[in-house]
């Protein structure tokens, strides 16, 4: 009986084990090196920014006397990243919600401070046919745009396909989108939820791809948008893009948290300080996709 229980426990533990999405070795490409840092993140991992930072940090550390080591990336949105920090699954997390970050620090999940790593930018995108007839351009207030979209979607009554895709997964993108709906006094996800409000749980690249193929409006970020192939991005339109203005509702600040359970806390702190220092910020400034810079350095 005990052997059966032990086997069941081992099965459950194995099923719940989280594996890294990728492992980076810098310029050394050593599959035998020790993992000294585990990073949790979603969008910047999918865009390749996490790899760029990890590889450059490894090379910089070795140049300063360290032995070669590995860095692991775990795919996780902001909510899951903080959960991973609390469980000790990852050592640091790159997250996008200042409220969630401060709560994690207050609860002892992450250490103070949160390091401002870089700035990503939210985008409101939608089909070229623009069935909601929303106004494009940065001269349009984002809440006015959401109000236009809501009015047209409600008025369509199913006659004209006006739909909005929500990631609906507690990610920072989902949280920001919810804030924008609340900003115009609407909760399309409430019972009975709006038929035009498409709840689609997926990581950034998958969600944006679905919105494009289904000809739906959605909230995404610049890093994700530029990570898609041009045959997809050419099918959609950016109706509103964030600026670097600190008051811009679509600005998407990325901060780095060090977990209280970091396996190698000294390395985690070194990485955080390196990211916000000159070397790390130069990686941010120089990181491109399809010839375009994805992110802005921290202010």
C-alpha atoms as a PDB file:
ATOM      1  CA  UNK A   1       0.000   0.000   0.000  1.00  0.00           C
ATOM      2  CA  UNK A   2       2.764   2.434   0.975  1.00  0.00           C
ATOM      3  CA  UNK A   3       4.620   1.718  -2.248  1.00  0.00           C
ATOM      4  CA  UNK A   4       1.487   2.598  -4.216  1.00  0.00           C
ATOM      5  CA  UNK A   5       1.141   5.868  -2.271  1.00  0.00           C
ATOM      6  CA  UNK A   6       4.810   6.712  -2.831  1.00  0.00           C
ATOM      7  CA  UNK A   7       4.455   6.020  -6.542  1.00  0.00           C
ATOM      8  CA  UNK A   8       1.361   8.246  -6.722  1.00  0.00           C
ATOM      9  CA  UNK A   9       3.179  11.086  -4.923  1.00  0.00           C
ATOM     10  CA  UNK A  10       6.132  10.820  -7.293  1.00  0.00           C
ATOM     11  CA  UNK A  11       3.749  10.853 -10.252  1.00  0.00           C
ATOM     12  CA  UNK A  12       1.986  14.000  -9.009  1.00  0.00           C
ATOM     13  CA  UNK A  13       5.254  15.789  -8.259  1.00  0.00           C
ATOM     14  CA  UNK A  14       6.562  14.897 -11.697  1.00  0.00           C
ATOM     15  CA  UNK A  15       3.351  16.086 -13.330  1.00  0.00           C
ATOM     16  CA  UNK A  16       3.567  19.423 -11.525  1.00  0.00           C
ATOM     17  CA  UNK A  17       7.258  19.952 -12.245  1.00  0.00           C
ATOM     18  CA  UNK A  18       7.948  23.012 -14.348  1.00  0.00           C
ATOM     19  CA  UNK A  19      10.512  22.748 -17.108  1.00  0.00           C
ATOM     20  CA  UNK A  20      12.366  25.725 -18.627  1.00  0.00           C
ATOM     21  CA  UNK A  21      11.339  26.853 -22.071  1.00  0.00           C
ATOM     22  CA  UNK A  22      14.977  27.486 -23.027  1.00  0.00           C
ATOM     23  CA  UNK A  23      18.489  27.332 -21.579  1.00  0.00           C
ATOM     24  CA  UNK A  24      21.152  29.905 -22.504  1.00  0.00           C
ATOM     25  CA  UNK A  25      24.935  29.518 -22.318  1.00  0.00           C
ATOM     26  CA  UNK A  26      26.259  32.813 -23.655  1.00  0.00           C
ATOM     27  CA  UNK A  27      29.137  32.410 -26.097  1.00  0.00           C
ATOM     28  CA  UNK A  28      30.268  29.186 -24.453  1.00  0.00           C
ATOM     29  CA  UNK A  29      27.525  26.793 -25.585  1.00  0.00           C
ATOM     30  CA  UNK A  30      28.346  24.393 -22.766  1.00  0.00           C
ATOM     31  CA  UNK A  31      25.581  21.900 -22.045  1.00  0.00           C
ATOM     32  CA  UNK A  32      27.449  20.810 -18.910  1.00  0.00           C
ATOM     33  CA  UNK A  33      27.551  24.188 -17.204  1.00  0.00           C
ATOM     34  CA  UNK A  34      25.730  24.809 -13.919  1.00  0.00           C
ATOM     35  CA  UNK A  35      22.498  26.780 -13.956  1.00  0.00           C
ATOM     36  CA  UNK A  36      22.963  29.815 -11.706  1.00  0.00           C
ATOM     37  CA  UNK A  37      19.944  31.871 -12.737  1.00  0.00           C
ATOM     38  CA  UNK A  38      16.324  31.099 -13.607  1.00  0.00           C
ATOM     39  CA  UNK A  39      14.178  33.853 -15.169  1.00  0.00           C
ATOM     40  CA  UNK A  40      10.402  33.949 -15.361  1.00  0.00           C
ATOM     41  CA  UNK A  41       8.754  36.053 -18.086  1.00  0.00           C
ATOM     42  CA  UNK A  42       6.341  35.895 -21.000  1.00  0.00           C
ATOM     43  CA  UNK A  43       6.540  38.464 -23.792  1.00  0.00           C
ATOM     44  CA  UNK A  44      10.220  39.439 -23.522  1.00  0.00           C
ATOM     45  CA  UNK A  45      11.109  35.766 -23.535  1.00  0.00           C
ATOM     46  CA  UNK A  46       9.113  35.140 -26.682  1.00  0.00           C
ATOM     47  CA  UNK A  47      10.621  38.184 -28.402  1.00  0.00           C
ATOM     48  CA  UNK A  48      14.177  37.062 -27.605  1.00  0.00           C
ATOM     49  CA  UNK A  49      15.015  39.862 -25.173  1.00  0.00           C
ATOM     50  CA  UNK A  50      15.481  37.466 -22.251  1.00  0.00           C
ATOM     51  CA  UNK A  51      17.950  35.445 -24.343  1.00  0.00           C
ATOM     52  CA  UNK A  52      19.848  38.595 -25.332  1.00  0.00           C
ATOM     53  CA  UNK A  53      20.125  39.731 -21.716  1.00  0.00           C
ATOM     54  CA  UNK A  54      21.013  36.264 -20.429  1.00  0.00           C
ATOM     55  CA  UNK A  55      23.738  35.624 -23.011  1.00  0.00           C
ATOM     56  CA  UNK A  56      25.293  39.064 -22.514  1.00  0.00           C
ATOM     57  CA  UNK A  57      25.207  38.678 -18.715  1.00  0.00           C
ATOM     58  CA  UNK A  58      26.939  35.297 -18.919  1.00  0.00           C
ATOM     59  CA  UNK A  59      29.650  36.706 -21.198  1.00  0.00           C
ATOM     60  CA  UNK A  60      30.137  39.760 -18.976  1.00  0.00           C
ATOM     61  CA  UNK A  61      30.371  37.611 -15.850  1.00  0.00           C
ATOM     62  CA  UNK A  62      32.945  35.269 -17.405  1.00  0.00           C
ATOM     63  CA  UNK A  63      34.962  38.264 -18.613  1.00  0.00           C
ATOM     64  CA  UNK A  64      35.064  39.396 -14.992  1.00  0.00           C
ATOM     65  CA  UNK A  65      36.359  36.086 -13.646  1.00  0.00           C
ATOM     66  CA  UNK A  66      33.324  33.802 -13.361  1.00  0.00           C
ATOM     67  CA  UNK A  67      33.239  30.256 -14.669  1.00  0.00           C
ATOM     68  CA  UNK A  68      30.795  29.733 -17.557  1.00  0.00           C
ATOM     69  CA  UNK A  69      27.248  29.018 -16.370  1.00  0.00           C
ATOM     70  CA  UNK A  70      23.741  28.642 -17.749  1.00  0.00           C
ATOM     71  CA  UNK A  71      20.564  30.708 -17.462  1.00  0.00           C
ATOM     72  CA  UNK A  72      17.097  29.189 -17.787  1.00  0.00           C
ATOM     73  CA  UNK A  73      13.962  30.934 -19.050  1.00  0.00           C
ATOM     74  CA  UNK A  74      10.530  29.846 -17.822  1.00  0.00           C
ATOM     75  CA  UNK A  75       7.491  30.977 -19.811  1.00  0.00           C
ATOM     76  CA  UNK A  76       5.143  32.808 -17.451  1.00  0.00           C
ATOM     77  CA  UNK A  77       2.938  35.888 -17.457  1.00  0.00           C
ATOM     78  CA  UNK A  78       3.139  38.373 -14.567  1.00  0.00           C
ATOM     79  CA  UNK A  79       0.740  36.484 -12.288  1.00  0.00           C
ATOM     80  CA  UNK A  80       2.433  33.131 -12.884  1.00  0.00           C
ATOM     81  CA  UNK A  81       5.908  34.691 -12.602  1.00  0.00           C
ATOM     82  CA  UNK A  82       5.108  35.953  -9.100  1.00  0.00           C
ATOM     83  CA  UNK A  83       3.711  32.521  -8.253  1.00  0.00           C
ATOM     84  CA  UNK A  84       6.972  30.958  -9.480  1.00  0.00           C
ATOM     85  CA  UNK A  85       8.981  33.402  -7.365  1.00  0.00           C
ATOM     86  CA  UNK A  86       6.972  32.395  -4.298  1.00  0.00           C
ATOM     87  CA  UNK A  87       7.531  28.706  -4.995  1.00  0.00           C
ATOM     88  CA  UNK A  88      11.249  29.143  -5.705  1.00  0.00           C
ATOM     89  CA  UNK A  89      10.774  27.873  -9.261  1.00  0.00           C
ATOM     90  CA  UNK A  90      12.535  30.959 -10.649  1.00  0.00           C
ATOM     91  CA  UNK A  91      15.088  33.294  -9.070  1.00  0.00           C
ATOM     92  CA  UNK A  92      14.071  36.512 -10.815  1.00  0.00           C
ATOM     93  CA  UNK A  93      11.000  37.605 -12.708  1.00  0.00           C
ATOM     94  CA  UNK A  94      10.443  40.316 -15.300  1.00  0.00           C
ATOM     95  CA  UNK A  95       6.919  41.578 -14.620  1.00  0.00           C
ATOM     96  CA  UNK A  96       4.613  44.341 -15.822  1.00  0.00           C
ATOM     97  CA  UNK A  97       2.254  45.312 -13.003  1.00  0.00           C
ATOM     98  CA  UNK A  98       3.486  47.786 -10.391  1.00  0.00           C
ATOM     99  CA  UNK A  99       0.596  46.956  -8.046  1.00  0.00           C
ATOM    100  CA  UNK A 100       1.262  43.206  -8.202  1.00  0.00           C
ATOM    101  CA  UNK A 101       4.990  43.840  -7.776  1.00  0.00           C
ATOM    102  CA  UNK A 102       4.526  45.932  -4.634  1.00  0.00           C
ATOM    103  CA  UNK A 103       2.172  43.336  -3.162  1.00  0.00           C
ATOM    104  CA  UNK A 104       4.743  40.604  -3.858  1.00  0.00           C
ATOM    105  CA  UNK A 105       7.367  42.659  -2.032  1.00  0.00           C
ATOM    106  CA  UNK A 106       5.048  43.354   0.924  1.00  0.00           C
ATOM    107  CA  UNK A 107       4.152  39.677   1.175  1.00  0.00           C
ATOM    108  CA  UNK A 108       7.815  38.667   1.251  1.00  0.00           C
ATOM    109  CA  UNK A 109       7.663  36.851  -2.090  1.00  0.00           C
ATOM    110  CA  UNK A 110      10.129  39.264  -3.687  1.00  0.00           C
ATOM    111  CA  UNK A 111      12.857  41.477  -2.295  1.00  0.00           C
ATOM    112  CA  UNK A 112      12.807  45.261  -2.266  1.00  0.00           C
ATOM    113  CA  UNK A 113      13.377  47.075  -4.603  1.00  0.00           C
ATOM    114  CA  UNK A 114      11.755  46.301  -7.944  1.00  0.00           C
ATOM    115  CA  UNK A 115      14.343  47.180 -10.612  1.00  0.00           C
ATOM    116  CA  UNK A 116      13.065  49.207 -13.596  1.00  0.00           C
ATOM    117  CA  UNK A 117      14.459  47.136 -16.481  1.00  0.00           C
ATOM    118  CA  UNK A 118      12.948  48.594 -19.674  1.00  0.00           C
ATOM    119  CA  UNK A 119       9.791  49.992 -21.232  1.00  0.00           C
ATOM    120  CA  UNK A 120       7.521  48.017 -23.490  1.00  0.00           C
ATOM    121  CA  UNK A 121       4.501  49.617 -25.129  1.00  0.00           C
ATOM    122  CA  UNK A 122       0.925  48.425 -25.418  1.00  0.00           C
ATOM    123  CA  UNK A 123      -0.817  48.630 -28.782  1.00  0.00           C
ATOM    124  CA  UNK A 124      -4.468  48.515 -29.726  1.00  0.00           C
ATOM    125  CA  UNK A 125      -4.694  46.615 -32.989  1.00  0.00           C
ATOM    126  CA  UNK A 126      -7.532  45.417 -35.159  1.00  0.00           C
ATOM    127  CA  UNK A 127      -8.638  44.314 -38.625  1.00  0.00           C
ATOM    128  CA  UNK A 128      -7.915  46.479 -41.656  1.00  0.00           C
ATOM    129  CA  UNK A 129     -11.640  46.556 -42.438  1.00  0.00           C
ATOM    130  CA  UNK A 130     -12.142  48.412 -39.106  1.00  0.00           C
ATOM    131  CA  UNK A 131     -15.786  47.365 -38.632  1.00  0.00           C
ATOM    132  CA  UNK A 132     -16.041  49.510 -35.481  1.00  0.00           C
ATOM    133  CA  UNK A 133     -14.879  52.589 -37.422  1.00  0.00           C
ATOM    134  CA  UNK A 134     -12.597  53.603 -34.569  1.00  0.00           C
ATOM    135  CA  UNK A 135     -10.253  56.516 -35.149  1.00  0.00           C
ATOM    136  CA  UNK A 136      -6.594  55.647 -35.577  1.00  0.00           C
ATOM    137  CA  UNK A 137      -3.568  57.617 -34.437  1.00  0.00           C
ATOM    138  CA  UNK A 138      -1.935  58.874 -31.290  1.00  0.00           C
ATOM    139  CA  UNK A 139      -4.164  61.957 -31.296  1.00  0.00           C
ATOM    140  CA  UNK A 140      -7.063  59.801 -30.112  1.00  0.00           C
ATOM    141  CA  UNK A 141      -7.471  59.359 -26.355  1.00  0.00           C
ATOM    142  CA  UNK A 142      -7.226  55.679 -25.455  1.00  0.00           C
ATOM    143  CA  UNK A 143     -10.371  55.738 -23.299  1.00  0.00           C
ATOM    144  CA  UNK A 144     -12.300  57.474 -26.091  1.00  0.00           C
ATOM    145  CA  UNK A 145     -11.117  54.738 -28.429  1.00  0.00           C
ATOM    146  CA  UNK A 146     -12.312  52.004 -26.057  1.00  0.00           C
ATOM    147  CA  UNK A 147     -15.617  53.831 -25.691  1.00  0.00           C
ATOM    148  CA  UNK A 148     -16.023  53.965 -29.490  1.00  0.00           C
ATOM    149  CA  UNK A 149     -15.208  50.281 -29.747  1.00  0.00           C
ATOM    150  CA  UNK A 150     -17.687  49.368 -27.010  1.00  0.00           C
ATOM    151  CA  UNK A 151     -20.515  51.421 -28.514  1.00  0.00           C
ATOM    152  CA  UNK A 152     -20.067  49.970 -31.994  1.00  0.00           C
ATOM    153  CA  UNK A 153     -19.759  46.420 -30.701  1.00  0.00           C
ATOM    154  CA  UNK A 154     -22.935  46.721 -28.609  1.00  0.00           C
ATOM    155  CA  UNK A 155     -24.848  48.406 -31.429  1.00  0.00           C
ATOM    156  CA  UNK A 156     -23.795  45.847 -34.024  1.00  0.00           C
ATOM    157  CA  UNK A 157     -26.226  43.311 -32.610  1.00  0.00           C
ATOM    158  CA  UNK A 158     -24.464  40.513 -34.438  1.00  0.00           C
ATOM    159  CA  UNK A 159     -25.132  42.091 -37.868  1.00  0.00           C
ATOM    160  CA  UNK A 160     -21.595  43.444 -38.279  1.00  0.00           C
ATOM    161  CA  UNK A 161     -18.728  41.371 -36.813  1.00  0.00           C
ATOM    162  CA  UNK A 162     -17.179  43.653 -34.198  1.00  0.00           C
ATOM    163  CA  UNK A 163     -15.288  41.538 -31.697  1.00  0.00           C
ATOM    164  CA  UNK A 164     -12.566  42.078 -29.130  1.00  0.00           C
ATOM    165  CA  UNK A 165     -10.135  39.339 -28.088  1.00  0.00           C
ATOM    166  CA  UNK A 166      -9.113  39.307 -24.426  1.00  0.00           C
ATOM    167  CA  UNK A 167      -6.274  37.122 -23.201  1.00  0.00           C
ATOM    168  CA  UNK A 168      -8.383  36.586 -20.065  1.00  0.00           C
ATOM    169  CA  UNK A 169      -5.496  34.937 -18.221  1.00  0.00           C
ATOM    170  CA  UNK A 170      -4.555  37.332 -15.383  1.00  0.00           C
ATOM    171  CA  UNK A 171      -1.507  38.450 -17.348  1.00  0.00           C
ATOM    172  CA  UNK A 172      -0.358  42.073 -17.220  1.00  0.00           C
ATOM    173  CA  UNK A 173      -1.983  42.558 -20.627  1.00  0.00           C
ATOM    174  CA  UNK A 174      -5.283  41.203 -19.302  1.00  0.00           C
ATOM    175  CA  UNK A 175      -4.999  43.426 -16.210  1.00  0.00           C
ATOM    176  CA  UNK A 176      -4.299  46.522 -18.333  1.00  0.00           C
ATOM    177  CA  UNK A 177      -7.177  45.723 -20.670  1.00  0.00           C
ATOM    178  CA  UNK A 178      -9.498  45.351 -17.656  1.00  0.00           C
ATOM    179  CA  UNK A 179      -8.339  48.732 -16.346  1.00  0.00           C
ATOM    180  CA  UNK A 180      -9.198  50.341 -19.684  1.00  0.00           C
ATOM    181  CA  UNK A 181     -12.707  48.848 -19.752  1.00  0.00           C
ATOM    182  CA  UNK A 182     -13.254  49.942 -16.173  1.00  0.00           C
ATOM    183  CA  UNK A 183     -11.978  53.381 -17.171  1.00  0.00           C
ATOM    184  CA  UNK A 184     -15.068  53.783 -19.356  1.00  0.00           C
ATOM    185  CA  UNK A 185     -17.378  52.149 -16.811  1.00  0.00           C
ATOM    186  CA  UNK A 186     -17.796  48.838 -18.638  1.00  0.00           C
ATOM    187  CA  UNK A 187     -17.229  45.203 -17.651  1.00  0.00           C
ATOM    188  CA  UNK A 188     -17.824  43.133 -20.810  1.00  0.00           C
ATOM    189  CA  UNK A 189     -16.681  39.949 -19.064  1.00  0.00           C
ATOM    190  CA  UNK A 190     -19.468  40.171 -16.448  1.00  0.00           C
ATOM    191  CA  UNK A 191     -22.488  37.858 -16.488  1.00  0.00           C
ATOM    192  CA  UNK A 192     -24.151  37.868 -18.885  1.00  0.00           C
ATOM    193  CA  UNK A 193     -20.953  38.689 -20.709  1.00  0.00           C
ATOM    194  CA  UNK A 194     -21.008  40.477 -24.043  1.00  0.00           C
ATOM    195  CA  UNK A 195     -21.191  38.152 -27.030  1.00  0.00           C
ATOM    196  CA  UNK A 196     -18.589  40.236 -28.868  1.00  0.00           C
ATOM    197  CA  UNK A 197     -16.055  39.817 -26.033  1.00  0.00           C
ATOM    198  CA  UNK A 198     -13.864  36.837 -26.951  1.00  0.00           C
ATOM    199  CA  UNK A 199     -12.141  35.289 -23.932  1.00  0.00           C
ATOM    200  CA  UNK A 200      -9.037  33.581 -25.291  1.00  0.00           C
ATOM    201  CA  UNK A 201      -6.411  32.253 -22.889  1.00  0.00           C
ATOM    202  CA  UNK A 202      -2.987  32.135 -24.527  1.00  0.00           C
ATOM    203  CA  UNK A 203       0.502  33.569 -24.266  1.00  0.00           C
ATOM    204  CA  UNK A 204       1.180  36.791 -26.229  1.00  0.00           C
ATOM    205  CA  UNK A 205       2.185  35.424 -29.634  1.00  0.00           C
ATOM    206  CA  UNK A 206      -0.666  32.931 -29.757  1.00  0.00           C
ATOM    207  CA  UNK A 207      -3.264  35.470 -28.653  1.00  0.00           C
ATOM    208  CA  UNK A 208      -2.211  38.091 -31.196  1.00  0.00           C
ATOM    209  CA  UNK A 209      -2.074  35.515 -33.983  1.00  0.00           C
ATOM    210  CA  UNK A 210      -5.617  34.405 -33.137  1.00  0.00           C
ATOM    211  CA  UNK A 211      -6.919  37.996 -33.077  1.00  0.00           C
ATOM    212  CA  UNK A 212      -5.403  38.686 -36.507  1.00  0.00           C
ATOM    213  CA  UNK A 213      -6.725  35.508 -38.114  1.00  0.00           C
ATOM    214  CA  UNK A 214     -10.186  36.013 -36.584  1.00  0.00           C
ATOM    215  CA  UNK A 215     -10.208  39.716 -37.536  1.00  0.00           C
ATOM    216  CA  UNK A 216     -10.749  40.883 -33.967  1.00  0.00           C
ATOM    217  CA  UNK A 217      -9.502  43.926 -32.073  1.00  0.00           C
ATOM    218  CA  UNK A 218      -7.162  43.266 -29.180  1.00  0.00           C
ATOM    219  CA  UNK A 219      -4.600  44.751 -26.806  1.00  0.00           C
ATOM    220  CA  UNK A 220      -1.056  43.539 -27.353  1.00  0.00           C
ATOM    221  CA  UNK A 221       2.448  44.919 -26.898  1.00  0.00           C
ATOM    222  CA  UNK A 222       5.061  46.196 -29.316  1.00  0.00           C
ATOM    223  CA  UNK A 223       7.520  43.418 -28.527  1.00  0.00           C
ATOM    224  CA  UNK A 224       4.953  40.757 -29.397  1.00  0.00           C
ATOM    225  CA  UNK A 225       3.757  42.591 -32.511  1.00  0.00           C
ATOM    226  CA  UNK A 226       7.262  42.900 -33.949  1.00  0.00           C
ATOM    227  CA  UNK A 227       7.996  39.255 -33.131  1.00  0.00           C
ATOM    228  CA  UNK A 228       5.323  38.031 -35.543  1.00  0.00           C
ATOM    229  CA  UNK A 229       6.132  37.460 -39.224  1.00  0.00           C
ATOM    230  CA  UNK A 230       5.143  40.214 -41.629  1.00  0.00           C
ATOM    231  CA  UNK A 231       2.541  38.031 -43.360  1.00  0.00           C
ATOM    232  CA  UNK A 232       0.534  38.248 -40.123  1.00  0.00           C
ATOM    233  CA  UNK A 233       1.233  41.831 -39.043  1.00  0.00           C
ATOM    234  CA  UNK A 234       0.345  43.043 -42.538  1.00  0.00           C
ATOM    235  CA  UNK A 235      -3.199  41.809 -41.938  1.00  0.00           C
ATOM    236  CA  UNK A 236      -3.799  44.088 -38.957  1.00  0.00           C
ATOM    237  CA  UNK A 237      -3.612  47.805 -38.131  1.00  0.00           C
ATOM    238  CA  UNK A 238      -2.171  49.595 -35.108  1.00  0.00           C
ATOM    239  CA  UNK A 239      -4.943  51.994 -34.069  1.00  0.00           C
ATOM    240  CA  UNK A 240      -3.187  53.303 -30.964  1.00  0.00           C
ATOM    241  CA  UNK A 241       0.393  52.942 -29.695  1.00  0.00           C
ATOM    242  CA  UNK A 242       1.971  53.913 -26.395  1.00  0.00           C
ATOM    243  CA  UNK A 243       4.596  56.618 -26.045  1.00  0.00           C
ATOM    244  CA  UNK A 244       7.375  56.806 -23.459  1.00  0.00           C
ATOM    245  CA  UNK A 245       5.370  59.378 -21.504  1.00  0.00           C
ATOM    246  CA  UNK A 246       5.118  58.162 -17.896  1.00  0.00           C
ATOM    247  CA  UNK A 247       1.434  59.175 -17.819  1.00  0.00           C
ATOM    248  CA  UNK A 248       0.526  57.243 -20.971  1.00  0.00           C
ATOM    249  CA  UNK A 249      -2.086  54.609 -20.061  1.00  0.00           C
ATOM    250  CA  UNK A 250      -0.575  52.280 -22.680  1.00  0.00           C
ATOM    251  CA  UNK A 251       3.000  52.447 -21.393  1.00  0.00           C
ATOM    252  CA  UNK A 252       4.097  48.991 -20.212  1.00  0.00           C
ATOM    253  CA  UNK A 253       6.996  49.289 -17.723  1.00  0.00           C
ATOM    254  CA  UNK A 254       8.984  46.095 -17.160  1.00  0.00           C
ATOM    255  CA  UNK A 255      10.483  45.621 -13.716  1.00  0.00           C
ATOM    256  CA  UNK A 256      12.740  42.902 -12.421  1.00  0.00           C
ATOM    257  CA  UNK A 257      11.953  41.207  -9.118  1.00  0.00           C
ATOM    258  CA  UNK A 258      14.358  39.061  -7.117  1.00  0.00           C
ATOM    259  CA  UNK A 259      12.639  36.171  -5.388  1.00  0.00           C
ATOM    260  CA  UNK A 260      13.062  35.748  -1.643  1.00  0.00           C
ATOM    261  CA  UNK A 261      13.693  32.046  -2.365  1.00  0.00           C
ATOM    262  CA  UNK A 262      16.286  32.621  -5.094  1.00  0.00           C
ATOM    263  CA  UNK A 263      18.609  29.623  -5.213  1.00  0.00           C
ATOM    264  CA  UNK A 264      21.642  31.821  -5.915  1.00  0.00           C
ATOM    265  CA  UNK A 265      20.668  35.213  -4.444  1.00  0.00           C
ATOM    266  CA  UNK A 266      24.049  36.822  -5.117  1.00  0.00           C
ATOM    267  CA  UNK A 267      23.836  35.982  -8.825  1.00  0.00           C
ATOM    268  CA  UNK A 268      20.212  37.159  -8.944  1.00  0.00           C
ATOM    269  CA  UNK A 269      21.201  40.510  -7.445  1.00  0.00           C
ATOM    270  CA  UNK A 270      24.187  40.820  -9.773  1.00  0.00           C
ATOM    271  CA  UNK A 271      21.902  40.214 -12.734  1.00  0.00           C
ATOM    272  CA  UNK A 272      19.358  42.811 -11.568  1.00  0.00           C
ATOM    273  CA  UNK A 273      22.042  45.451 -11.055  1.00  0.00           C
ATOM    274  CA  UNK A 274      23.658  44.533 -14.384  1.00  0.00           C
ATOM    275  CA  UNK A 275      20.343  44.889 -16.262  1.00  0.00           C
ATOM    276  CA  UNK A 276      19.717  48.406 -14.935  1.00  0.00           C
ATOM    277  CA  UNK A 277      23.364  49.351 -15.404  1.00  0.00           C
ATOM    278  CA  UNK A 278      25.058  50.565 -18.622  1.00  0.00           C
ATOM    279  CA  UNK A 279      25.719  47.100 -20.092  1.00  0.00           C
ATOM    280  CA  UNK A 280      22.180  45.846 -19.646  1.00  0.00           C
ATOM    281  CA  UNK A 281      20.581  49.054 -20.863  1.00  0.00           C
ATOM    282  CA  UNK A 282      22.761  48.976 -23.983  1.00  0.00           C
ATOM    283  CA  UNK A 283      21.353  45.515 -24.746  1.00  0.00           C
ATOM    284  CA  UNK A 284      17.839  46.939 -24.378  1.00  0.00           C
ATOM    285  CA  UNK A 285      18.579  49.904 -26.652  1.00  0.00           C
ATOM    286  CA  UNK A 286      20.162  47.724 -29.324  1.00  0.00           C
ATOM    287  CA  UNK A 287      17.646  44.873 -29.360  1.00  0.00           C
ATOM    288  CA  UNK A 288      15.768  44.720 -32.678  1.00  0.00           C
ATOM    289  CA  UNK A 289      13.228  42.613 -34.506  1.00  0.00           C
ATOM    290  CA  UNK A 290      12.724  43.013 -38.249  1.00  0.00           C
ATOM    291  CA  UNK A 291      15.066  45.997 -38.144  1.00  0.00           C
ATOM    292  CA  UNK A 292      13.063  47.858 -35.497  1.00  0.00           C
ATOM    293  CA  UNK A 293      13.979  48.513 -31.864  1.00  0.00           C
ATOM    294  CA  UNK A 294      11.464  46.760 -29.621  1.00  0.00           C
ATOM    295  CA  UNK A 295      11.954  48.367 -26.218  1.00  0.00           C
ATOM    296  CA  UNK A 296      12.993  51.644 -24.634  1.00  0.00           C
ATOM    297  CA  UNK A 297      15.569  51.704 -21.838  1.00  0.00           C
ATOM    298  CA  UNK A 298      14.460  52.517 -18.313  1.00  0.00           C
ATOM    299  CA  UNK A 299      14.000  56.250 -17.675  1.00  0.00           C
END
